[in-house]
Protein backbone atom coordinates (compact mmCIF):
# COMPACT_ATOMS: atom_id res chain seq x y z
CA MET A 1 17.90 -0.80 -96.82
CA GLU A 2 17.20 -2.90 -99.88
CA ALA A 3 19.09 -2.04 -103.06
CA ARG A 4 16.80 -1.32 -105.95
CA THR A 5 16.98 0.47 -109.24
CA PRO A 6 15.19 3.80 -109.05
CA ASP A 7 12.66 4.67 -111.74
CA LEU A 8 15.12 6.52 -113.97
CA SER A 9 12.32 8.08 -116.00
CA ARG A 10 11.24 10.00 -112.90
CA LEU A 11 14.71 11.35 -112.16
CA ASP A 12 16.12 14.66 -113.30
CA THR A 13 19.34 14.72 -115.31
CA ARG A 14 21.56 15.27 -112.27
CA ARG A 15 20.15 12.28 -110.41
CA ARG A 16 20.43 10.04 -113.49
CA LYS A 17 24.11 11.01 -113.84
CA ILE A 18 24.72 10.39 -110.15
CA TYR A 19 23.05 6.99 -110.35
CA TYR A 20 25.20 6.04 -113.34
CA ARG A 21 28.39 7.21 -111.58
CA ALA A 22 27.43 5.34 -108.41
CA THR A 23 26.93 2.06 -110.25
CA HIS A 24 29.83 2.34 -112.71
CA ARG A 25 32.71 3.23 -110.40
CA GLY A 26 35.45 1.13 -111.92
CA THR A 27 35.49 -1.77 -109.50
CA HIS A 28 32.68 -4.17 -108.75
CA GLU A 29 33.18 -3.69 -105.01
CA THR A 30 32.53 0.04 -105.08
CA ASP A 31 29.75 -0.35 -107.66
CA VAL A 32 27.95 -2.55 -105.13
CA LEU A 33 28.73 -0.45 -102.06
CA ILE A 34 28.17 3.04 -103.48
CA GLY A 35 25.44 2.03 -105.91
CA GLY A 36 23.66 0.06 -103.22
CA PHE A 37 23.68 3.09 -100.96
CA VAL A 38 22.50 5.49 -103.66
CA ALA A 39 19.75 3.43 -105.33
CA PRO A 40 17.11 3.45 -102.59
CA ARG A 41 17.85 7.01 -101.45
CA LEU A 42 18.44 8.97 -104.65
CA GLU A 43 14.90 10.14 -105.36
CA ALA A 44 14.49 11.65 -101.88
CA MET A 45 17.91 13.32 -101.59
CA THR A 46 18.06 17.09 -101.29
CA ASP A 47 20.41 19.23 -103.35
CA VAL A 48 22.69 19.57 -100.29
CA GLN A 49 22.81 15.78 -99.93
CA LEU A 50 23.49 15.39 -103.64
CA ASP A 51 26.38 17.87 -103.35
CA ALA A 52 27.82 15.87 -100.46
CA LEU A 53 27.36 12.59 -102.34
CA GLU A 54 29.09 13.96 -105.42
CA ALA A 55 32.01 15.09 -103.25
CA VAL A 56 32.40 11.54 -101.95
CA MET A 57 32.10 10.09 -105.44
CA ASP A 58 34.87 12.44 -106.61
CA LEU A 59 37.30 10.59 -104.33
CA PRO A 60 39.54 7.94 -105.90
CA ASP A 61 37.84 4.58 -106.34
CA ALA A 62 40.69 2.60 -104.77
CA ASP A 63 40.59 4.78 -101.65
CA LEU A 64 36.81 4.46 -101.37
CA ALA A 65 37.05 0.69 -101.67
CA ASP A 66 39.67 0.54 -98.91
CA TRP A 67 37.71 2.83 -96.59
CA LEU A 68 34.32 1.22 -97.19
CA SER A 69 35.71 -2.28 -96.73
CA GLY A 70 37.55 -1.31 -93.54
CA ARG A 71 40.99 -2.08 -94.96
CA ARG A 72 42.07 1.48 -94.10
CA PRO A 73 40.58 4.09 -91.78
CA VAL A 74 38.79 7.06 -93.32
CA PRO A 75 41.03 10.15 -93.10
CA ALA A 76 39.64 13.04 -91.04
CA GLU A 77 39.48 15.37 -94.04
CA VAL A 78 36.98 13.13 -95.85
CA ASN A 79 35.11 11.83 -92.81
CA THR A 80 32.00 13.85 -93.61
CA PRO A 81 28.43 13.10 -92.55
CA MET A 82 27.75 11.66 -96.04
CA MET A 83 30.84 9.43 -95.84
CA ARG A 84 29.69 8.21 -92.43
CA GLU A 85 26.22 7.41 -93.84
CA ILE A 86 27.77 5.45 -96.70
CA MET A 87 30.13 3.69 -94.28
CA ALA A 88 27.24 2.72 -91.98
CA ASP A 89 25.36 1.28 -94.95
CA ALA A 90 28.44 -0.54 -96.27
CA THR A 91 29.03 -2.21 -92.90
CA ASP A 92 25.39 -2.97 -92.05
CA PRO A 93 25.21 -6.72 -91.25
CA GLU A 94 21.93 -7.20 -93.12
CA ARG A 95 23.28 -5.43 -96.19
CA LEU A 96 26.49 -7.49 -96.09
CA ALA A 97 24.50 -10.71 -95.79
CA ALA A 98 22.37 -9.73 -98.79
CA ILE A 99 25.49 -8.91 -100.83
CA ARG A 100 27.17 -12.19 -99.93
CA GLY A 101 23.98 -14.13 -100.56
CA GLY A 102 23.54 -12.52 -103.97
CA LYS A 103 20.18 -11.03 -103.00
């Protein structure tokens, strides 16, 4: 899925805050991985999905970077459906090629 900036003027306050948090994580790596996952999906996410996303984003940035990059396995207690969706996106070969190619 192509990363894109959602039309922030069309988003409610919660979604704008989530978008900001997803793209300003603290490290460039997680900004790209989490923000790239969130950007194309945010407008269509349900409240339940937003809750699950916020729970993932509440996890420590260093841990997320390690899990999403494959440096460490995701612990069972945080291996939620949302985490698995983010992981699948972070490890998608097309997405990785686009990130490496600067697209």
